[in-house]
Protein backbone atom coordinates (compact mmCIF):
# COMPACT_ATOMS: atom_id res chain seq x y z
CA MET A 1 -26.97 153.99 137.16
CA LYS A 2 -29.27 152.79 139.97
CA ARG A 3 -29.65 156.32 141.30
CA LEU A 4 -30.47 157.61 137.82
CA LEU A 5 -33.07 154.87 137.30
CA LEU A 6 -34.66 155.65 140.67
CA ALA A 7 -34.78 159.36 139.78
CA TRP A 8 -36.47 158.54 136.45
CA ILE A 9 -39.12 156.43 138.19
CA THR A 10 -39.75 159.12 140.79
CA LEU A 11 -40.06 161.83 138.16
CA ALA A 12 -42.44 159.71 136.12
CA LEU A 13 -44.68 159.14 139.13
CA LEU A 14 -44.67 162.84 139.97
CA THR A 15 -45.53 163.96 136.46
CA THR A 16 -48.17 161.44 135.39
CA GLY A 17 -50.61 161.83 138.26
CA HIS A 18 -54.11 162.93 137.18
CA ALA A 19 -54.40 165.29 140.15
CA LEU A 20 -51.64 167.58 138.96
CA ALA A 21 -52.68 171.01 137.72
CA ALA A 22 -52.03 171.87 134.09
CA PRO A 23 -48.47 173.19 133.65
CA GLY A 24 -49.62 175.99 131.32
CA SER A 25 -52.04 176.75 128.50
CA ARG A 26 -49.79 176.64 125.41
CA LEU A 27 -50.56 173.99 122.82
CA TRP A 28 -49.44 170.39 123.21
CA ALA A 29 -45.70 169.73 122.68
CA THR A 30 -44.85 173.40 121.98
CA GLY A 31 -42.18 173.41 124.71
CA GLY A 32 -39.95 170.91 122.95
CA VAL A 33 -37.84 168.69 125.19
CA THR A 34 -34.72 169.45 127.22
CA SER A 35 -31.37 169.44 125.42
CA ILE A 36 -28.23 167.96 126.98
CA GLU A 37 -27.28 171.53 128.02
CA GLY A 38 -30.59 172.39 129.67
CA SER A 39 -32.24 174.67 127.10
CA ALA A 40 -35.55 173.75 125.51
CA GLY A 41 -35.22 172.19 122.08
CA GLY A 42 -34.10 168.79 120.85
CA GLY A 43 -31.58 166.48 122.46
CA LEU A 44 -28.51 168.17 120.95
CA VAL A 45 -29.72 171.57 119.75
CA PRO A 46 -31.51 174.45 121.54
CA TRP A 47 -34.59 175.72 119.68
CA ALA A 48 -36.33 179.08 119.77
CA LEU A 49 -39.12 177.48 121.81
CA LEU A 50 -39.17 178.12 125.55
CA SER A 51 -39.53 175.26 128.03
CA GLY A 52 -42.82 174.13 129.52
CA TYR A 53 -46.26 175.39 128.56
CA ALA A 54 -46.45 178.89 130.06
CA SER A 55 -48.38 181.47 128.03
CA ASP A 56 -47.87 185.24 128.17
CA GLN A 57 -49.47 185.44 131.64
CA GLU A 58 -48.13 182.25 133.23
CA TRP A 59 -45.14 180.56 134.80
CA SER A 60 -44.05 176.97 134.20
CA GLY A 61 -41.11 174.74 135.02
CA THR A 62 -39.42 171.55 133.92
CA LEU A 63 -37.21 168.86 135.43
CA ALA A 64 -35.11 166.72 133.11
CA LEU A 65 -32.84 163.68 133.24
CA SER A 66 -30.99 162.28 130.22
CA GLN A 67 -28.23 159.84 129.40
CA ALA A 68 -26.35 158.83 126.24
CA SER A 69 -24.34 155.61 126.38
CA VAL A 70 -21.83 155.54 123.53
CA ASP A 71 -19.00 153.10 122.89
CA ASP A 72 -16.40 154.40 125.34
CA TYR A 73 -18.23 157.11 127.30
CA THR A 74 -21.50 157.87 129.08
CA VAL A 75 -22.88 161.41 128.90
CA SER A 76 -25.49 162.35 131.52
CA PHE A 77 -27.45 165.51 132.27
CA THR A 78 -29.69 166.55 135.16
CA GLY A 79 -31.34 169.96 135.13
CA ALA A 80 -34.30 172.24 135.65
CA SER A 81 -35.75 175.32 133.97
CA ILE A 82 -38.33 178.04 134.57
CA ASN A 83 -40.35 179.84 131.90
CA TRP A 84 -41.64 183.31 132.78
CA HIS A 85 -44.54 184.56 130.66
CA ASN A 86 -43.28 182.70 127.58
CA ARG A 87 -40.65 185.42 127.33
CA VAL A 88 -37.66 184.34 129.45
CA GLU A 89 -36.32 180.86 130.15
CA LEU A 90 -33.85 180.28 132.99
CA SER A 91 -32.10 176.91 133.19
CA VAL A 92 -29.50 175.22 135.34
CA GLY A 93 -27.98 171.78 135.10
CA ARG A 94 -25.03 169.48 135.53
CA GLN A 95 -23.49 167.53 132.66
CA THR A 96 -21.19 164.56 133.27
CA LEU A 97 -18.92 162.60 130.94
CA ASP A 98 -18.07 159.22 132.47
CA LEU A 99 -14.68 158.01 131.20
CA ASP A 100 -15.72 154.38 130.89
CA THR A 101 -12.64 153.31 128.86
CA LEU A 102 -10.03 155.96 129.70
CA GLY A 103 -10.78 156.31 133.40
CA ALA A 104 -8.21 153.87 134.73
CA ALA A 105 -5.41 155.18 132.49
CA LEU A 106 -6.13 158.82 133.35
CA ASN A 107 -6.81 158.20 137.05
CA GLU A 108 -10.06 160.15 136.67
CA ASP A 109 -13.56 158.67 136.61
CA GLU A 110 -15.48 161.54 135.04
CA LEU A 111 -15.53 165.11 133.76
CA THR A 112 -18.31 167.37 135.00
CA GLN A 113 -19.52 170.87 134.19
CA ASP A 114 -22.28 173.11 135.50
CA ILE A 115 -24.35 174.98 132.90
CA PHE A 116 -26.41 178.12 133.56
CA GLY A 117 -28.66 179.27 130.74
CA VAL A 118 -30.84 182.23 129.83
CA LYS A 119 -33.02 182.33 126.71
CA VAL A 120 -35.18 185.29 125.65
CA ARG A 121 -37.93 185.12 123.02
CA LEU A 122 -37.37 188.06 120.72
CA TRP A 123 -40.42 187.96 118.47
CA GLY A 124 -42.81 185.71 116.59
CA ASP A 125 -44.74 182.54 117.26
CA VAL A 126 -43.66 179.08 116.15
CA LEU A 127 -47.20 178.20 115.00
CA TYR A 128 -48.72 181.29 113.46
CA SER A 129 -46.03 183.84 112.56
CA PRO A 130 -44.99 183.60 108.90
CA TYR A 131 -41.30 183.72 109.81
CA GLY A 132 -41.59 181.60 112.93
CA GLN A 133 -40.31 182.26 116.44
CA TRP A 134 -36.88 183.71 117.24
CA ALA A 135 -34.90 183.66 120.46
CA VAL A 136 -31.44 184.55 121.71
CA GLY A 137 -29.68 182.58 124.41
CA ILE A 138 -26.62 182.38 126.64
CA GLN A 139 -25.10 179.26 128.21
CA HIS A 140 -22.40 179.84 130.83
CA LYS A 141 -20.40 176.69 131.49
CA ARG A 142 -17.98 175.92 134.30
CA ASN A 143 -15.74 172.83 134.57
CA ARG A 144 -15.68 171.22 137.99
CA GLU A 145 -12.46 169.33 137.12
CA PHE A 146 -9.84 170.96 134.92
CA THR A 147 -6.80 168.68 135.21
CA ILE A 148 -7.52 166.66 132.07
CA PRO A 149 -8.77 169.57 129.92
CA SER A 150 -5.67 171.57 130.88
CA ALA A 151 -3.38 168.63 130.08
CA VAL A 152 -4.78 168.30 126.54
CA GLY A 153 -4.35 172.00 125.82
CA ALA A 154 -7.57 173.78 126.89
CA ARG A 155 -7.06 177.44 127.78
CA ASP A 156 -9.92 178.09 130.23
CA GLU A 157 -12.11 176.18 132.65
CA THR A 158 -15.11 178.47 132.08
CA GLY A 159 -16.77 179.70 128.92
CA THR A 160 -19.97 181.26 127.62
CA ASP A 161 -21.82 180.20 124.47
CA LEU A 162 -24.09 182.69 122.67
CA TYR A 163 -26.75 181.57 120.20
CA LEU A 164 -29.58 182.79 117.99
CA ALA A 165 -32.34 180.30 117.16
CA GLY A 166 -35.31 180.36 114.82
CA SER A 167 -38.10 177.75 114.83
CA LYS A 168 -41.12 177.35 112.57
CA LEU A 169 -43.93 174.78 112.40
CA PHE A 170 -45.27 174.15 108.90
CA PHE A 171 -48.80 172.74 108.93
CA ALA A 172 -49.52 169.67 106.76
CA ALA A 173 -46.15 170.11 105.05
CA ALA A 174 -45.23 166.43 104.49
CA PHE A 175 -47.86 163.78 103.78
CA ASP A 176 -50.37 165.91 105.71
CA ARG A 177 -48.08 165.90 108.75
CA ASN A 178 -46.87 169.01 110.57
CA VAL A 179 -43.13 169.66 110.23
CA LEU A 180 -40.96 171.60 112.69
CA VAL A 181 -37.78 173.21 111.35
CA ASN A 182 -35.14 174.87 113.53
CA ALA A 183 -31.83 176.59 112.80
CA THR A 184 -29.43 177.79 115.50
CA LEU A 185 -26.25 179.85 115.07
CA ARG A 186 -23.88 179.45 118.02
CA GLY A 187 -20.77 181.40 118.95
CA THR A 188 -18.55 179.18 121.09
CA LYS A 189 -15.02 178.29 122.22
CA ALA A 190 -16.13 175.04 123.90
CA ASN A 191 -14.28 171.76 123.40
CA GLN A 192 -16.69 168.80 123.33
CA GLY A 193 -19.47 171.12 124.45
CA GLY A 194 -17.24 172.44 127.26
CA LEU A 195 -16.43 169.13 128.96
CA LEU A 196 -12.83 169.49 127.73
CA GLY A 197 -12.59 173.17 128.59
CA PHE A 198 -12.61 176.20 126.32
CA GLY A 199 -10.17 177.37 123.69
CA GLY A 200 -6.94 175.56 122.94
CA ASP A 201 -3.54 175.50 121.28
CA GLN A 202 -5.19 175.76 117.82
CA GLY A 203 -7.45 178.65 118.67
CA ASP A 204 -8.89 180.71 121.49
CA ARG A 205 -11.53 182.78 119.76
CA TYR A 206 -15.24 182.46 119.18
CA ASP A 207 -16.20 180.33 116.19
CA MET A 208 -19.66 180.48 114.62
CA GLN A 209 -21.24 177.04 114.35
CA LEU A 210 -24.50 176.02 112.67
CA GLU A 211 -26.95 173.66 114.35
CA SER A 212 -30.20 172.42 112.83
CA SER A 213 -33.19 170.18 113.52
CA VAL A 214 -36.10 168.84 111.49
CA GLY A 215 -38.98 167.00 113.13
CA VAL A 216 -42.21 165.48 111.79
CA PHE A 217 -45.29 165.16 114.00
CA LEU A 218 -46.75 161.72 113.34
CA ASP A 219 -49.67 162.83 115.50
CA ARG A 220 -50.06 165.15 118.49
CA ARG A 221 -48.12 162.77 120.78
CA TRP A 222 -45.28 161.51 118.56
CA LEU A 223 -42.45 163.51 116.96
CA THR A 224 -39.58 161.99 114.99
CA GLY A 225 -36.67 163.72 113.32
CA VAL A 226 -32.96 164.40 112.96
CA GLU A 227 -30.47 166.92 114.36
CA TYR A 228 -27.02 168.07 113.32
CA ARG A 229 -24.55 170.18 115.30
CA GLN A 230 -21.27 171.62 114.07
CA LYS A 231 -18.33 171.80 116.50
CA PRO A 232 -15.17 173.93 116.71
CA ASP A 233 -11.72 172.30 116.54
CA ASN A 234 -9.42 173.99 119.07
CA LEU A 235 -7.21 171.14 120.31
CA SER A 236 -4.39 169.65 118.24
CA PHE A 237 -4.14 166.41 120.21
CA ALA A 238 -7.42 165.09 118.77
CA ARG A 239 -9.75 166.30 116.03
CA GLU A 240 -13.28 167.18 117.18
CA SER A 241 -16.22 165.78 115.24
CA ASP A 242 -19.67 167.20 114.58
CA TRP A 243 -22.63 165.58 116.35
CA TRP A 244 -25.88 164.21 114.94
CA ASP A 245 -28.84 162.15 116.07
CA VAL A 246 -32.07 160.51 114.94
CA PHE A 247 -34.79 160.84 117.58
CA VAL A 248 -38.33 159.89 118.53
CA ALA A 249 -40.18 161.90 121.20
CA TRP A 250 -43.38 160.77 122.93
CA VAL A 251 -45.51 163.39 124.68
CA PRO A 252 -48.43 161.50 126.27
CA ASN A 253 -49.64 164.55 128.20
CA ARG A 254 -48.49 168.04 129.19
CA HIS A 255 -46.64 166.75 132.23
CA LEU A 256 -44.34 164.22 130.59
CA ALA A 257 -42.07 163.90 127.55
CA ILE A 258 -39.83 160.93 126.78
CA THR A 259 -37.20 161.08 124.04
CA ALA A 260 -35.19 158.18 122.62
CA ALA A 261 -32.45 158.65 120.04
CA TRP A 262 -29.48 157.15 118.30
CA VAL A 263 -26.62 159.63 118.69
CA ASN A 264 -23.31 159.87 116.88
CA LEU A 265 -20.75 162.01 118.70
CA GLY A 266 -17.89 161.14 116.34
CA ASP A 267 -14.34 160.99 117.69
CA ILE A 268 -13.85 162.07 121.31
CA ALA A 269 -10.34 162.47 122.79
CA GLY A 270 -8.83 160.11 120.24
CA LEU A 271 -11.42 157.34 120.61
CA LYS A 272 -13.15 156.80 117.28
CA ASP A 273 -16.78 156.81 116.19
CA GLN A 274 -18.61 157.23 119.50
CA GLN A 275 -22.26 156.32 118.95
CA GLY A 276 -25.04 154.75 120.95
CA ALA A 277 -28.47 155.09 122.53
CA TYR A 278 -29.86 158.21 124.19
CA LEU A 279 -32.83 158.41 126.54
CA SER A 280 -34.33 161.52 128.15
CA LEU A 281 -37.22 162.06 130.57
CA GLN A 282 -38.76 165.49 131.12
CA GLY A 283 -41.46 166.50 133.57
CA SER A 284 -43.38 169.80 133.29
CA PHE A 285 -45.25 171.55 136.06
């Protein structure tokens, strides 16, 4: 926790200095924030937006740190991404599930996976195209510890999610406020996002899952909204729940975005109703 807090402070100092060059020329807050798997979007769901502020002739990058503290677990993510010409997003990160309650019984402190992502903007623009912006993405995930996932019935320690996302901003759509709507269709075999491996005794094939987000811009700096993410159910030892959150994002300038949320991750590995606070810090350069 101390190391994470120090990293947050360092990132904030690096990204709020007035001497930093602009990270790109796209409009304010059009890069979203960093999801818990590294792709640009909301906290739980990747959007069709690409990270940072790079336009068609620019590069940009992001660094992100996030943590969700729920009743019996702590989920953390550290990652980075690069946006090339607002066409291709490359991301890499590490996601950790601290076993706060189960650790002593399982003789394991945490589960960790590395996530490598690629997102490609197919067509459209989130602001001006009548049908919004569309992107396709890949997230390749690799467990760093597989003893527990294997013991509960997971088939593989690596897996690859595929998704198609569409995002559209509707101007003055609700009480004269701009509204962002996103829908993502994901093909996945991941258990608990991949932290409990891939596939299982109840299924080892790709399932199509729907993910969605709705956000309202209170002004150019504040965005509030909700997200919902369906999950597959591959393991018989414990039913897997869908995820949802209610979030508020603050974007004071193009270098910094801070997101706070209340997340509900449902039942995880037999422990019921896992919910709690989420905080994420993103720096753009």
